Protein backbone atom coordinates (compact mmCIF):
# COMPACT_ATOMS: atom_id res chain seq x y z
CA UNK A 1 21.01 -11.51 -7.75
CA UNK A 2 19.79 -10.75 -11.32
CA UNK A 3 18.41 -7.23 -12.06
CA UNK A 4 14.72 -8.55 -12.61
CA UNK A 5 14.71 -10.31 -9.29
CA UNK A 6 16.05 -7.40 -7.37
CA UNK A 7 13.28 -5.20 -8.95
CA UNK A 8 10.56 -7.60 -8.09
CA UNK A 9 11.90 -7.75 -4.49
CA UNK A 10 12.13 -3.79 -4.24
CA UNK A 11 8.43 -3.69 -5.69
CA UNK A 12 7.23 -6.05 -3.15
CA UNK A 13 9.04 -4.28 -0.29
CA UNK A 14 7.56 -0.90 -1.40
CA UNK A 15 4.01 -2.44 -1.55
CA UNK A 16 4.50 -3.96 1.86
CA UNK A 17 5.76 -0.66 3.33
CA UNK A 18 2.77 1.17 1.79
CA UNK A 19 0.32 -1.29 3.28
CA UNK A 20 1.87 -1.05 6.65
CA UNK A 21 1.82 2.52 6.61
CA UNK A 22 -1.88 2.71 5.71
CA UNK A 23 -2.53 0.17 8.33
CA UNK A 24 -0.83 2.35 10.99
CA UNK A 25 -2.72 5.44 9.78
CA UNK A 26 -6.22 4.59 8.71
CA UNK A 27 -8.51 2.64 11.01
CA UNK A 28 -10.71 1.18 8.08
CA UNK A 29 -7.67 -0.54 6.54
CA UNK A 30 -6.53 -1.73 9.84
CA UNK A 31 -10.01 -3.35 10.44
CA UNK A 32 -10.09 -4.88 6.99
CA UNK A 33 -6.56 -6.42 7.41
CA UNK A 34 -7.57 -7.76 10.84
CA UNK A 35 -10.62 -9.37 9.18
CA UNK A 36 -8.71 -10.75 6.31
CA UNK A 37 -6.13 -12.61 8.57
CA UNK A 38 -8.49 -13.39 11.49
CA UNK A 39 -11.06 -14.98 9.59
CA UNK A 40 -13.70 -12.14 9.71
CA UNK A 41 -17.12 -13.35 11.00
CA UNK A 42 -16.55 -16.79 9.55
CA UNK A 43 -19.31 -16.37 6.85
CA UNK A 44 -17.52 -14.36 4.17
CA UNK A 45 -15.10 -16.32 1.89
CA UNK A 46 -11.50 -15.27 1.73
CA UNK A 47 -11.95 -13.61 -1.72
CA UNK A 48 -14.73 -11.31 -0.38
CA UNK A 49 -12.63 -10.26 2.51
CA UNK A 50 -9.64 -9.55 0.14
CA UNK A 51 -12.00 -7.52 -2.11
CA UNK A 52 -13.14 -5.46 1.06
CA UNK A 53 -9.50 -4.92 1.89
CA UNK A 54 -8.82 -3.74 -1.62
CA UNK A 55 -11.78 -1.25 -1.48
CA UNK A 56 -10.46 0.01 2.03
CA UNK A 57 -6.94 0.49 0.53
CA UNK A 58 -8.09 2.39 -2.52
CA UNK A 59 -10.45 4.53 -0.45
CA UNK A 60 -7.69 5.30 2.09
CA UNK A 61 -5.10 6.07 -0.66
CA UNK A 62 -7.43 8.39 -2.35
CA UNK A 63 -8.43 10.20 0.89
CA UNK A 64 -4.85 10.45 2.02
CA UNK A 65 -3.67 11.73 -1.35
CA UNK A 66 -6.38 14.41 -1.55
CA UNK A 67 -5.57 15.37 2.06
CA UNK A 68 -1.87 15.50 1.68
CA UNK A 69 -1.61 16.57 -1.87
CA UNK A 70 1.39 18.81 -1.39
CA UNK A 71 3.31 16.38 0.52
CA UNK A 72 2.42 13.49 -2.03
CA UNK A 73 3.70 15.57 -4.91
CA UNK A 74 6.85 16.32 -3.14
CA UNK A 75 7.45 12.72 -2.21
CA UNK A 76 6.69 11.64 -5.84
CA UNK A 77 9.01 14.20 -7.31
CA UNK A 78 11.90 13.24 -4.81
CA UNK A 79 11.39 9.50 -5.52
CA UNK A 80 11.66 10.14 -9.36
CA UNK A 81 14.70 12.25 -8.88
CA UNK A 82 16.35 9.68 -6.80
CA UNK A 83 15.58 6.96 -9.33
CA UNK A 84 17.27 9.12 -12.05
CA UNK A 85 20.28 9.71 -9.76
CA UNK A 86 20.79 6.00 -9.20
CA UNK A 87 20.45 5.10 -12.82
CA UNK A 88 23.28 7.41 -13.96
């Protein structure tokens, strides 16, 4: 596989992993994902449900990052170091 395709697949996999982690941790995100895929109440269009999911995701990420700031910093630094190790 070409390098660009591998990067795109890796980025998509990381996004899905983060989404699944937030769904398992935060009840608001779980409810919004359920509403998005189950059709919600049938009145809201798909775009509005997707926007609600995006709002819930940003709120959950902000809350989790503030609550777990030391772990977030440690994980970010670790990921950057691993990326530098793999590039050399």
